[in-house]
């Protein structure tokens, strides 16, 4: 059971959630489904490089500088440096994506991601909050915005994502990475923050 919880936690890692967010945007039965395939693929590639690959490649440098003790980032203070660097990489991704037409919604996702990361970093200065739950909560919030503002059919996807969020929260608790308050606060923070910004 522990192995399954670890595998699911890795599959739903915050680094991957922006990619899942893009998938939901492009398959939401809204106007964004008609974005040209070339633009979609470009967004996927830029997002993978800027929000997945580059942050991971930066971690060995942090460890060498002794800014982090392990790649698990278990300690609250260790999370601040990777989050700040991720903000920089998100700005880079935003700059690269804004060069392409038909990507306004993706640009919005990047800007909201930057704001959420900054907010998360501020909270982390004082308290440890679940990064996994913040990320999946933010995706849920963004999905709601697509449904409310852009009339996308997101009902089935949203309910499925809520189930995944519940399962993810259970895994984080089972692995004793967080307590219930940190899990609930992370999800509510991510969802409400994104919804409040964009609605």
N, C-alpha and C. Protein backbone atom coordinates (compact mmCIF):
# COMPACT_ATOMS: atom_id res chain seq x y z
N UNK A 1 0.83 -1.21 0.00
CA UNK A 1 0.00 0.00 0.00
C UNK A 1 0.86 1.26 0.00
N UNK A 2 1.93 1.23 0.79
CA UNK A 2 2.81 2.39 0.85
C UNK A 2 3.43 2.68 -0.51
N UNK A 3 3.81 1.62 -1.22
CA UNK A 3 4.42 1.80 -2.55
C UNK A 3 3.43 2.44 -3.52
N UNK A 4 2.18 1.98 -3.47
CA UNK A 4 1.15 2.55 -4.35
C UNK A 4 0.93 4.04 -4.04
N UNK A 5 0.93 4.37 -2.75
CA UNK A 5 0.75 5.77 -2.35
C UNK A 5 1.91 6.62 -2.85
N UNK A 6 3.13 6.09 -2.79
CA UNK A 6 4.30 6.83 -3.27
C UNK A 6 4.25 7.01 -4.78
N UNK A 7 3.85 5.96 -5.49
CA UNK A 7 3.76 6.04 -6.96
C UNK A 7 2.72 7.08 -7.37
N UNK A 8 1.57 7.06 -6.71
CA UNK A 8 0.52 8.02 -7.04
C UNK A 8 0.96 9.44 -6.71
N UNK A 9 1.67 9.62 -5.60
CA UNK A 9 2.18 10.94 -5.24
C UNK A 9 3.15 11.47 -6.27
N UNK A 10 4.01 10.58 -6.79
CA UNK A 10 4.94 10.99 -7.84
C UNK A 10 4.20 11.32 -9.14
N UNK A 11 3.18 10.52 -9.47
CA UNK A 11 2.42 10.76 -10.70
C UNK A 11 1.67 12.09 -10.65
N UNK A 12 1.27 12.49 -9.43
CA UNK A 12 0.53 13.74 -9.25
C UNK A 12 1.43 14.82 -8.65
N UNK A 13 2.72 14.74 -8.94
CA UNK A 13 3.67 15.71 -8.40
C UNK A 13 3.35 17.11 -8.94
N UNK A 14 3.54 18.14 -8.13
CA UNK A 14 3.26 19.51 -8.58
C UNK A 14 3.96 19.90 -9.88
N UNK A 15 5.10 19.29 -10.17
CA UNK A 15 5.80 19.61 -11.42
C UNK A 15 5.00 19.19 -12.64
N UNK A 16 4.19 18.12 -12.49
CA UNK A 16 3.42 17.61 -13.62
C UNK A 16 2.05 18.27 -13.77
N UNK A 17 1.56 18.90 -12.71
CA UNK A 17 0.20 19.43 -12.73
C UNK A 17 -0.03 20.49 -13.81
N UNK A 18 0.93 21.37 -14.12
CA UNK A 18 0.70 22.31 -15.24
C UNK A 18 0.46 21.59 -16.57
N UNK A 19 1.14 20.48 -16.78
CA UNK A 19 0.92 19.71 -18.01
C UNK A 19 -0.49 19.13 -18.03
N UNK A 20 -0.93 18.61 -16.88
CA UNK A 20 -2.29 18.10 -16.79
C UNK A 20 -3.29 19.24 -17.00
N UNK A 21 -2.96 20.42 -16.47
CA UNK A 21 -3.82 21.59 -16.65
C UNK A 21 -3.99 21.93 -18.13
N UNK A 22 -2.88 21.90 -18.86
CA UNK A 22 -2.95 22.15 -20.30
C UNK A 22 -3.84 21.14 -21.00
N UNK A 23 -3.70 19.88 -20.61
CA UNK A 23 -4.51 18.83 -21.23
C UNK A 23 -6.00 19.10 -21.00
N UNK A 24 -6.35 19.50 -19.78
CA UNK A 24 -7.75 19.80 -19.48
C UNK A 24 -8.24 21.01 -20.27
N UNK A 25 -7.38 22.01 -20.42
CA UNK A 25 -7.75 23.21 -21.19
C UNK A 25 -8.06 22.84 -22.64
N UNK A 26 -7.17 22.07 -23.22
CA UNK A 26 -7.30 21.74 -24.65
C UNK A 26 -8.36 20.69 -24.93
N UNK A 27 -8.89 20.04 -23.88
CA UNK A 27 -9.90 19.00 -24.07
C UNK A 27 -11.14 19.27 -23.23
N UNK A 28 -11.49 20.54 -23.10
CA UNK A 28 -12.61 20.94 -22.24
C UNK A 28 -13.89 21.20 -23.01
N UNK A 29 -13.93 20.84 -24.29
CA UNK A 29 -15.10 21.09 -25.13
C UNK A 29 -15.48 22.56 -25.15
N UNK A 30 -14.47 23.41 -25.04
CA UNK A 30 -14.69 24.86 -25.12
C UNK A 30 -14.00 25.36 -26.39
N UNK A 31 -13.93 26.69 -26.54
CA UNK A 31 -13.29 27.26 -27.73
C UNK A 31 -11.80 26.88 -27.80
N UNK A 32 -11.23 26.54 -26.64
CA UNK A 32 -9.80 26.23 -26.60
C UNK A 32 -9.47 24.88 -27.23
N UNK A 33 -10.50 24.08 -27.46
CA UNK A 33 -10.29 22.80 -28.15
C UNK A 33 -9.91 23.04 -29.61
N UNK A 34 -10.22 24.24 -30.13
CA UNK A 34 -9.95 24.55 -31.54
C UNK A 34 -8.61 25.25 -31.75
N UNK A 35 -7.83 25.39 -30.69
CA UNK A 35 -6.48 25.94 -30.85
C UNK A 35 -5.68 25.02 -31.77
N UNK A 36 -4.95 25.56 -32.74
CA UNK A 36 -4.19 24.71 -33.68
C UNK A 36 -3.27 23.73 -32.96
N UNK A 37 -3.12 22.55 -33.53
CA UNK A 37 -2.30 21.51 -32.92
C UNK A 37 -0.86 21.96 -32.72
N UNK A 38 -0.36 22.76 -33.65
CA UNK A 38 1.02 23.26 -33.53
C UNK A 38 1.18 24.10 -32.27
N UNK A 39 0.20 24.95 -32.00
CA UNK A 39 0.25 25.80 -30.81
C UNK A 39 0.14 24.95 -29.54
N UNK A 40 -0.74 23.96 -29.57
CA UNK A 40 -0.89 23.07 -28.41
C UNK A 40 0.41 22.35 -28.10
N UNK A 41 1.02 21.76 -29.13
CA UNK A 41 2.27 21.02 -28.93
C UNK A 41 3.39 21.93 -28.44
N UNK A 42 3.42 23.15 -28.95
CA UNK A 42 4.43 24.13 -28.51
C UNK A 42 4.25 24.41 -27.02
N UNK A 43 3.00 24.59 -26.59
CA UNK A 43 2.71 24.86 -25.18
C UNK A 43 3.13 23.69 -24.30
N UNK A 44 2.87 22.48 -24.78
CA UNK A 44 3.28 21.28 -24.02
C UNK A 44 4.79 21.24 -23.86
N UNK A 45 5.51 21.49 -24.94
CA UNK A 45 6.98 21.40 -24.91
C UNK A 45 7.56 22.48 -23.99
N UNK A 46 7.09 23.71 -24.15
CA UNK A 46 7.60 24.82 -23.32
C UNK A 46 7.30 24.55 -21.85
N UNK A 47 6.09 24.08 -21.57
CA UNK A 47 5.70 23.81 -20.18
C UNK A 47 6.54 22.69 -19.58
N UNK A 48 6.79 21.66 -20.35
CA UNK A 48 7.62 20.55 -19.85
C UNK A 48 9.03 21.03 -19.54
N UNK A 49 9.60 21.81 -20.45
CA UNK A 49 10.98 22.28 -20.25
C UNK A 49 11.07 23.25 -19.08
N UNK A 50 10.18 24.25 -19.06
CA UNK A 50 10.28 25.33 -18.07
C UNK A 50 9.76 24.95 -16.69
N UNK A 51 8.74 24.11 -16.63
CA UNK A 51 8.12 23.83 -15.34
C UNK A 51 8.39 22.43 -14.81
N UNK A 52 8.99 21.58 -15.63
CA UNK A 52 9.34 20.23 -15.17
C UNK A 52 10.84 20.00 -15.20
N UNK A 53 11.42 20.12 -16.40
CA UNK A 53 12.82 19.77 -16.58
C UNK A 53 13.78 20.73 -15.87
N UNK A 54 13.65 22.01 -16.12
CA UNK A 54 14.59 22.99 -15.54
C UNK A 54 14.56 23.02 -14.01
N UNK A 55 13.37 22.99 -13.37
CA UNK A 55 13.37 22.94 -11.90
C UNK A 55 14.08 21.71 -11.34
N UNK A 56 13.89 20.56 -12.00
CA UNK A 56 14.56 19.33 -11.54
C UNK A 56 16.07 19.43 -11.71
N UNK A 57 16.50 20.01 -12.83
CA UNK A 57 17.94 20.15 -13.07
C UNK A 57 18.60 21.13 -12.11
N UNK A 58 17.80 22.00 -11.51
CA UNK A 58 18.34 22.98 -10.57
C UNK A 58 18.56 22.39 -9.18
N UNK A 59 17.85 21.33 -8.85
CA UNK A 59 17.92 20.75 -7.51
C UNK A 59 19.32 20.29 -7.10
N UNK A 60 20.10 19.64 -7.99
CA UNK A 60 21.47 19.26 -7.60
C UNK A 60 22.32 20.46 -7.20
N UNK A 61 22.12 21.60 -7.85
CA UNK A 61 22.86 22.81 -7.48
C UNK A 61 22.48 23.26 -6.08
N UNK A 62 21.19 23.23 -5.78
CA UNK A 62 20.73 23.59 -4.43
C UNK A 62 21.33 22.67 -3.38
N UNK A 63 21.40 21.38 -3.72
CA UNK A 63 21.95 20.43 -2.77
C UNK A 63 23.44 20.65 -2.58
N UNK A 64 24.15 20.97 -3.67
CA UNK A 64 25.58 21.23 -3.57
C UNK A 64 25.85 22.47 -2.73
N UNK A 65 24.98 23.47 -2.85
CA UNK A 65 25.11 24.70 -2.06
C UNK A 65 24.56 24.54 -0.64
N UNK A 66 24.04 23.36 -0.35
CA UNK A 66 23.47 23.03 0.96
C UNK A 66 22.25 23.88 1.31
N UNK A 67 21.54 24.28 0.27
CA UNK A 67 20.28 25.00 0.50
C UNK A 67 19.16 24.01 0.80
N UNK A 68 19.33 22.76 0.32
CA UNK A 68 18.40 21.68 0.64
C UNK A 68 19.19 20.48 1.09
N UNK A 69 18.58 19.66 1.93
CA UNK A 69 19.24 18.46 2.44
C UNK A 69 18.95 17.24 1.58
N UNK A 70 17.75 17.19 1.00
CA UNK A 70 17.37 16.06 0.16
C UNK A 70 16.43 16.55 -0.94
N UNK A 71 16.22 15.69 -1.92
CA UNK A 71 15.35 16.06 -3.02
C UNK A 71 13.87 15.95 -2.65
N UNK A 72 13.57 15.40 -1.48
CA UNK A 72 12.18 15.27 -1.05
C UNK A 72 11.61 16.59 -0.52
N UNK A 73 12.50 17.52 -0.18
CA UNK A 73 12.09 18.84 0.32
C UNK A 73 11.11 18.71 1.49
N UNK A 74 11.48 17.84 2.42
CA UNK A 74 10.60 17.57 3.56
C UNK A 74 10.50 18.74 4.52
N UNK A 75 11.60 19.46 4.67
CA UNK A 75 11.60 20.59 5.60
C UNK A 75 10.96 21.83 4.96
N UNK A 76 10.24 22.58 5.77
CA UNK A 76 9.52 23.75 5.28
C UNK A 76 10.44 24.76 4.59
N UNK A 77 11.56 25.09 5.23
CA UNK A 77 12.46 26.12 4.70
C UNK A 77 13.13 25.70 3.40
N UNK A 78 13.29 24.40 3.19
CA UNK A 78 13.94 23.91 1.97
C UNK A 78 13.08 24.18 0.74
N UNK A 79 11.80 24.37 0.91
CA UNK A 79 10.90 24.53 -0.23
C UNK A 79 10.95 25.92 -0.85
N UNK A 80 11.41 26.88 -0.07
CA UNK A 80 11.36 28.27 -0.52
C UNK A 80 12.22 28.50 -1.76
N UNK A 81 13.45 27.97 -1.75
CA UNK A 81 14.37 28.20 -2.88
C UNK A 81 13.86 27.58 -4.19
N UNK A 82 13.43 26.31 -4.19
CA UNK A 82 12.88 25.76 -5.44
C UNK A 82 11.65 26.50 -5.94
N UNK A 83 10.82 26.98 -5.02
CA UNK A 83 9.62 27.71 -5.43
C UNK A 83 10.00 29.03 -6.09
N UNK A 84 10.96 29.74 -5.51
CA UNK A 84 11.40 31.02 -6.09
C UNK A 84 11.99 30.81 -7.48
N UNK A 85 12.79 29.77 -7.64
CA UNK A 85 13.37 29.47 -8.95
C UNK A 85 12.28 29.09 -9.94
N UNK A 86 11.27 28.36 -9.46
CA UNK A 86 10.15 27.98 -10.33
C UNK A 86 9.40 29.20 -10.83
N UNK A 87 9.32 30.24 -10.01
CA UNK A 87 8.69 31.50 -10.44
C UNK A 87 9.47 32.08 -11.62
N UNK A 88 10.79 32.06 -11.51
CA UNK A 88 11.63 32.57 -12.60
C UNK A 88 11.41 31.76 -13.88
N UNK A 89 11.38 30.43 -13.76
CA UNK A 89 11.17 29.58 -14.92
C UNK A 89 9.77 29.77 -15.50
N UNK A 90 8.79 30.04 -14.63
CA UNK A 90 7.43 30.30 -15.12
C UNK A 90 7.38 31.59 -15.93
N UNK A 91 8.13 32.62 -15.49
CA UNK A 91 8.24 33.85 -16.28
C UNK A 91 8.86 33.56 -17.65
N UNK A 92 9.87 32.70 -17.66
CA UNK A 92 10.51 32.32 -18.93
C UNK A 92 9.50 31.62 -19.83
N UNK A 93 8.74 30.69 -19.27
CA UNK A 93 7.73 29.99 -20.07
C UNK A 93 6.67 30.95 -20.59
N UNK A 94 6.25 31.89 -19.76
CA UNK A 94 5.27 32.89 -20.18
C UNK A 94 5.79 33.70 -21.35
N UNK A 95 7.05 34.11 -21.27
CA UNK A 95 7.65 34.91 -22.35
C UNK A 95 7.69 34.11 -23.65
N UNK A 96 8.05 32.84 -23.57
CA UNK A 96 8.14 32.01 -24.77
C UNK A 96 6.77 31.74 -25.38
N UNK A 97 5.77 31.55 -24.53
CA UNK A 97 4.44 31.21 -25.04
C UNK A 97 3.72 32.43 -25.60
N UNK A 98 3.98 33.60 -25.03
CA UNK A 98 3.27 34.79 -25.51
C UNK A 98 3.71 35.21 -26.91
N UNK A 99 4.77 34.59 -27.42
CA UNK A 99 5.21 34.87 -28.78
C UNK A 99 4.30 34.20 -29.82
N UNK A 100 3.48 33.26 -29.35
CA UNK A 100 2.65 32.47 -30.27
C UNK A 100 1.19 32.92 -30.17
N UNK A 101 0.48 33.04 -31.31
CA UNK A 101 -0.94 33.41 -31.25
C UNK A 101 -1.79 32.26 -30.71
N UNK A 102 -3.02 32.55 -30.36
CA UNK A 102 -4.01 31.59 -29.87
C UNK A 102 -3.68 31.02 -28.48
N UNK A 103 -2.76 31.64 -27.77
CA UNK A 103 -2.35 31.05 -26.48
C UNK A 103 -2.71 31.94 -25.29
N UNK A 104 -3.70 32.80 -25.43
CA UNK A 104 -4.06 33.71 -24.33
C UNK A 104 -4.43 32.96 -23.06
N UNK A 105 -5.18 31.87 -23.19
CA UNK A 105 -5.60 31.12 -22.01
C UNK A 105 -4.41 30.48 -21.32
N UNK A 106 -3.43 30.05 -22.09
CA UNK A 106 -2.23 29.45 -21.50
C UNK A 106 -1.40 30.53 -20.81
N UNK A 107 -1.36 31.71 -21.41
CA UNK A 107 -0.66 32.83 -20.76
C UNK A 107 -1.32 33.15 -19.42
N UNK A 108 -2.65 33.11 -19.38
CA UNK A 108 -3.36 33.33 -18.11
C UNK A 108 -2.96 32.27 -17.09
N UNK A 109 -2.85 31.02 -17.53
CA UNK A 109 -2.47 29.94 -16.63
C UNK A 109 -1.10 30.20 -16.03
N UNK A 110 -0.17 30.67 -16.86
CA UNK A 110 1.18 30.95 -16.38
C UNK A 110 1.19 32.10 -15.38
N UNK A 111 0.45 33.16 -15.68
CA UNK A 111 0.42 34.31 -14.77
C UNK A 111 -0.19 33.93 -13.42
N UNK A 112 -1.26 33.14 -13.46
CA UNK A 112 -1.88 32.68 -12.22
C UNK A 112 -0.92 31.76 -11.47
N UNK A 113 -0.21 30.91 -12.20
CA UNK A 113 0.77 30.02 -11.58
C UNK A 113 1.84 30.83 -10.84
N UNK A 114 2.30 31.89 -11.47
CA UNK A 114 3.32 32.75 -10.84
C UNK A 114 2.78 33.35 -9.54
N UNK A 115 1.55 33.84 -9.58
CA UNK A 115 0.95 34.45 -8.38
C UNK A 115 0.76 33.41 -7.29
N UNK A 116 0.28 32.22 -7.66
CA UNK A 116 0.08 31.14 -6.68
C UNK A 116 1.40 30.73 -6.05
N UNK A 117 2.45 30.61 -6.88
CA UNK A 117 3.76 30.23 -6.35
C UNK A 117 4.29 31.28 -5.37
N UNK A 118 4.09 32.56 -5.70
CA UNK A 118 4.52 33.62 -4.79
C UNK A 118 3.74 33.56 -3.48
N UNK A 119 2.43 33.34 -3.58
CA UNK A 119 1.62 33.21 -2.37
C UNK A 119 2.03 32.01 -1.54
N UNK A 120 2.30 30.91 -2.22
CA UNK A 120 2.74 29.70 -1.52
C UNK A 120 4.07 29.93 -0.80
N UNK A 121 4.98 30.64 -1.46
CA UNK A 121 6.28 30.93 -0.85
C UNK A 121 6.11 31.78 0.41
N UNK A 122 5.20 32.74 0.37
CA UNK A 122 4.97 33.59 1.54
C UNK A 122 4.42 32.77 2.70
N UNK A 123 3.45 31.88 2.40
CA UNK A 123 2.90 31.02 3.45
C UNK A 123 3.98 30.11 4.01
N UNK A 124 4.83 29.58 3.13
CA UNK A 124 5.86 28.64 3.54
C UNK A 124 6.89 29.27 4.47
N UNK A 125 7.03 30.58 4.41
CA UNK A 125 7.94 31.25 5.34
C UNK A 125 7.53 31.03 6.79
N UNK A 126 6.23 30.82 7.01
CA UNK A 126 5.71 30.67 8.37
C UNK A 126 5.17 29.28 8.68
N UNK A 127 4.68 28.59 7.64
CA UNK A 127 3.95 27.35 7.90
C UNK A 127 4.11 26.40 6.72
N UNK A 128 4.15 25.11 7.02
CA UNK A 128 4.28 24.10 5.97
C UNK A 128 2.90 23.73 5.45
N UNK A 129 2.69 23.94 4.16
CA UNK A 129 1.42 23.62 3.52
C UNK A 129 1.69 22.63 2.39
N UNK A 130 0.75 21.74 2.12
CA UNK A 130 0.96 20.72 1.10
C UNK A 130 1.07 21.32 -0.30
N UNK A 131 2.24 21.13 -0.91
CA UNK A 131 2.45 21.63 -2.26
C UNK A 131 1.64 20.82 -3.27
N UNK A 132 1.54 19.50 -3.02
CA UNK A 132 0.74 18.65 -3.91
C UNK A 132 -0.71 19.12 -3.95
N UNK A 133 -1.28 19.36 -2.77
CA UNK A 133 -2.69 19.74 -2.71
C UNK A 133 -2.92 21.16 -3.22
N UNK A 134 -1.95 22.04 -3.02
CA UNK A 134 -2.06 23.39 -3.57
C UNK A 134 -2.11 23.34 -5.09
N UNK A 135 -1.26 22.50 -5.67
CA UNK A 135 -1.19 22.38 -7.13
C UNK A 135 -2.48 21.81 -7.71
N UNK A 136 -2.98 20.72 -7.12
CA UNK A 136 -4.19 20.12 -7.68
C UNK A 136 -5.41 21.00 -7.40
N UNK A 137 -5.39 21.74 -6.28
CA UNK A 137 -6.46 22.69 -6.02
C UNK A 137 -6.47 23.81 -7.04
N UNK A 138 -5.27 24.27 -7.45
CA UNK A 138 -5.17 25.32 -8.46
C UNK A 138 -5.71 24.84 -9.80
N UNK A 139 -5.42 23.59 -10.16
CA UNK A 139 -5.94 23.03 -11.41
C UNK A 139 -7.47 22.95 -11.35
N UNK A 140 -8.00 22.54 -10.20
CA UNK A 140 -9.46 22.51 -10.04
C UNK A 140 -10.06 23.90 -10.21
N UNK A 141 -9.41 24.91 -9.62
CA UNK A 141 -9.89 26.28 -9.75
C UNK A 141 -9.87 26.76 -11.18
N UNK A 142 -8.82 26.43 -11.89
CA UNK A 142 -8.70 26.85 -13.28
C UNK A 142 -9.75 26.16 -14.14
N UNK A 143 -10.03 24.90 -13.82
CA UNK A 143 -11.05 24.16 -14.56
C UNK A 143 -12.43 24.77 -14.33
N UNK A 144 -12.70 25.21 -13.12
CA UNK A 144 -13.97 25.88 -12.84
C UNK A 144 -14.10 27.17 -13.64
N UNK A 145 -13.01 27.90 -13.76
CA UNK A 145 -13.03 29.15 -14.52
C UNK A 145 -13.38 28.87 -15.98
N UNK A 146 -12.81 27.82 -16.54
CA UNK A 146 -13.12 27.46 -17.93
C UNK A 146 -14.60 27.14 -18.06
N UNK A 147 -15.16 26.46 -17.07
CA UNK A 147 -16.58 26.13 -17.11
C UNK A 147 -17.48 27.34 -16.96
N UNK A 148 -17.14 28.25 -16.05
CA UNK A 148 -17.98 29.41 -15.76
C UNK A 148 -17.82 30.53 -16.79
N UNK A 149 -16.58 30.83 -17.15
CA UNK A 149 -16.33 32.00 -18.00
C UNK A 149 -16.30 31.68 -19.48
N UNK A 150 -15.91 30.45 -19.83
CA UNK A 150 -15.75 30.12 -21.24
C UNK A 150 -16.70 29.01 -21.69
N UNK A 151 -17.64 28.65 -20.81
CA UNK A 151 -18.72 27.71 -21.14
C UNK A 151 -18.19 26.36 -21.63
N UNK A 152 -17.08 25.94 -21.05
CA UNK A 152 -16.57 24.61 -21.37
C UNK A 152 -17.31 23.56 -20.57
N UNK A 153 -17.47 22.38 -21.14
CA UNK A 153 -18.13 21.28 -20.43
C UNK A 153 -17.09 20.55 -19.58
N UNK A 154 -16.98 20.98 -18.34
CA UNK A 154 -15.93 20.45 -17.46
C UNK A 154 -16.51 19.63 -16.30
N UNK A 155 -17.80 19.34 -16.32
CA UNK A 155 -18.44 18.69 -15.17
C UNK A 155 -17.82 17.33 -14.87
N UNK A 156 -17.73 16.50 -15.87
CA UNK A 156 -17.19 15.15 -15.66
C UNK A 156 -15.72 15.21 -15.26
N UNK A 157 -14.97 16.05 -15.96
CA UNK A 157 -13.54 16.19 -15.66
C UNK A 157 -13.33 16.73 -14.25
N UNK A 158 -14.15 17.71 -13.88
CA UNK A 158 -14.00 18.31 -12.55
C UNK A 158 -14.30 17.30 -11.45
N UNK A 159 -15.35 16.51 -11.61
CA UNK A 159 -15.68 15.50 -10.60
C UNK A 159 -14.58 14.45 -10.51
N UNK A 160 -14.04 14.07 -11.67
CA UNK A 160 -12.93 13.12 -11.66
C UNK A 160 -11.70 13.69 -10.97
N UNK A 161 -11.45 14.98 -11.22
CA UNK A 161 -10.29 15.64 -10.61
C UNK A 161 -10.47 15.77 -9.10
N UNK A 162 -11.70 16.01 -8.65
CA UNK A 162 -11.97 16.07 -7.22
C UNK A 162 -11.68 14.72 -6.56
N UNK A 163 -12.06 13.65 -7.25
CA UNK A 163 -11.77 12.31 -6.72
C UNK A 163 -10.26 12.08 -6.63
N UNK A 164 -9.54 12.51 -7.66
CA UNK A 164 -8.08 12.38 -7.64
C UNK A 164 -7.47 13.21 -6.51
N UNK A 165 -8.04 14.40 -6.29
CA UNK A 165 -7.55 15.26 -5.21
C UNK A 165 -7.76 14.60 -3.85
N UNK A 166 -8.92 13.98 -3.68
CA UNK A 166 -9.19 13.27 -2.43
C UNK A 166 -8.23 12.10 -2.23
N UNK A 167 -7.98 11.37 -3.31
CA UNK A 167 -7.05 10.24 -3.24
C UNK A 167 -5.63 10.72 -2.95
N UNK A 168 -5.25 11.83 -3.58
CA UNK A 168 -3.92 12.39 -3.36
C UNK A 168 -3.75 12.85 -1.92
N UNK A 169 -4.76 13.52 -1.40
CA UNK A 169 -4.70 13.97 -0.01
C UNK A 169 -4.58 12.78 0.94
N UNK A 170 -5.32 11.72 0.65
CA UNK A 170 -5.24 10.51 1.47
C UNK A 170 -3.84 9.91 1.43
N UNK A 171 -3.24 9.90 0.25
CA UNK A 171 -1.88 9.37 0.10
C UNK A 171 -0.88 10.20 0.90
N UNK A 172 -1.01 11.51 0.86
CA UNK A 172 -0.07 12.37 1.60
C UNK A 172 -0.21 12.16 3.11
N UNK A 173 -1.44 11.94 3.55
CA UNK A 173 -1.66 11.66 4.97
C UNK A 173 -1.13 10.28 5.35
N UNK A 174 -1.38 9.31 4.48
CA UNK A 174 -0.93 7.94 4.75
C UNK A 174 0.59 7.87 4.82
N UNK A 175 1.26 8.63 3.97
CA UNK A 175 2.72 8.64 3.95
C UNK A 175 3.30 9.53 5.06
N UNK A 176 2.39 10.17 5.81
CA UNK A 176 2.78 11.04 6.92
C UNK A 176 3.67 12.21 6.48
N UNK A 177 3.39 12.71 5.27
CA UNK A 177 4.11 13.88 4.77
C UNK A 177 3.48 15.17 5.29
N UNK A 178 2.20 15.10 5.62
CA UNK A 178 1.48 16.28 6.11
C UNK A 178 0.43 15.86 7.12
N UNK A 179 -0.06 16.82 7.87
CA UNK A 179 -1.21 16.57 8.73
C UNK A 179 -2.48 17.04 8.01
N UNK A 180 -3.66 16.69 8.52
CA UNK A 180 -4.91 17.07 7.81
C UNK A 180 -5.03 18.56 7.52
N UNK A 181 -4.63 19.41 8.47
CA UNK A 181 -4.75 20.86 8.26
C UNK A 181 -3.92 21.32 7.07
N UNK A 182 -2.72 20.78 6.92
CA UNK A 182 -1.83 21.17 5.81
C UNK A 182 -2.39 20.70 4.47
N UNK A 183 -3.04 19.54 4.48
CA UNK A 183 -3.64 19.00 3.24
C UNK A 183 -4.85 19.83 2.83
N UNK A 184 -5.77 20.04 3.77
CA UNK A 184 -6.98 20.81 3.46
C UNK A 184 -6.65 22.25 3.09
N UNK A 185 -5.74 22.86 3.85
CA UNK A 185 -5.38 24.25 3.58
C UNK A 185 -4.75 24.40 2.20
N UNK A 186 -3.91 23.44 1.81
CA UNK A 186 -3.28 23.50 0.49
C UNK A 186 -4.30 23.48 -0.63
N UNK A 187 -5.28 22.56 -0.52
CA UNK A 187 -6.29 22.45 -1.58
C UNK A 187 -7.15 23.71 -1.65
N UNK A 188 -7.62 24.16 -0.50
CA UNK A 188 -8.48 25.35 -0.47
C UNK A 188 -7.70 26.58 -0.95
N UNK A 189 -6.44 26.68 -0.56
CA UNK A 189 -5.61 27.81 -0.99
C UNK A 189 -5.48 27.83 -2.50
N UNK A 190 -5.11 26.69 -3.10
CA UNK A 190 -4.93 26.62 -4.55
C UNK A 190 -6.20 26.92 -5.31
N UNK A 191 -7.31 26.28 -4.91
CA UNK A 191 -8.58 26.46 -5.63
C UNK A 191 -9.11 27.88 -5.48
N UNK A 192 -9.19 28.37 -4.25
CA UNK A 192 -9.79 29.68 -4.02
C UNK A 192 -8.92 30.81 -4.57
N UNK A 193 -7.61 30.65 -4.50
CA UNK A 193 -6.70 31.68 -4.99
C UNK A 193 -6.88 31.87 -6.50
N UNK A 194 -6.89 30.76 -7.23
CA UNK A 194 -7.03 30.82 -8.69
C UNK A 194 -8.42 31.36 -9.06
N UNK A 195 -9.45 30.85 -8.40
CA UNK A 195 -10.80 31.27 -8.72
C UNK A 195 -11.01 32.75 -8.44
N UNK A 196 -10.46 33.22 -7.33
CA UNK A 196 -10.60 34.64 -6.96
C UNK A 196 -9.88 35.54 -7.95
N UNK A 197 -8.75 35.11 -8.46
CA UNK A 197 -7.97 35.93 -9.39
C UNK A 197 -8.66 36.06 -10.74
N UNK A 198 -9.19 34.95 -11.25
CA UNK A 198 -9.68 34.91 -12.62
C UNK A 198 -11.19 35.16 -12.76
N UNK A 199 -11.93 34.96 -11.69
CA UNK A 199 -13.40 35.07 -11.85
C UNK A 199 -13.86 36.54 -11.82
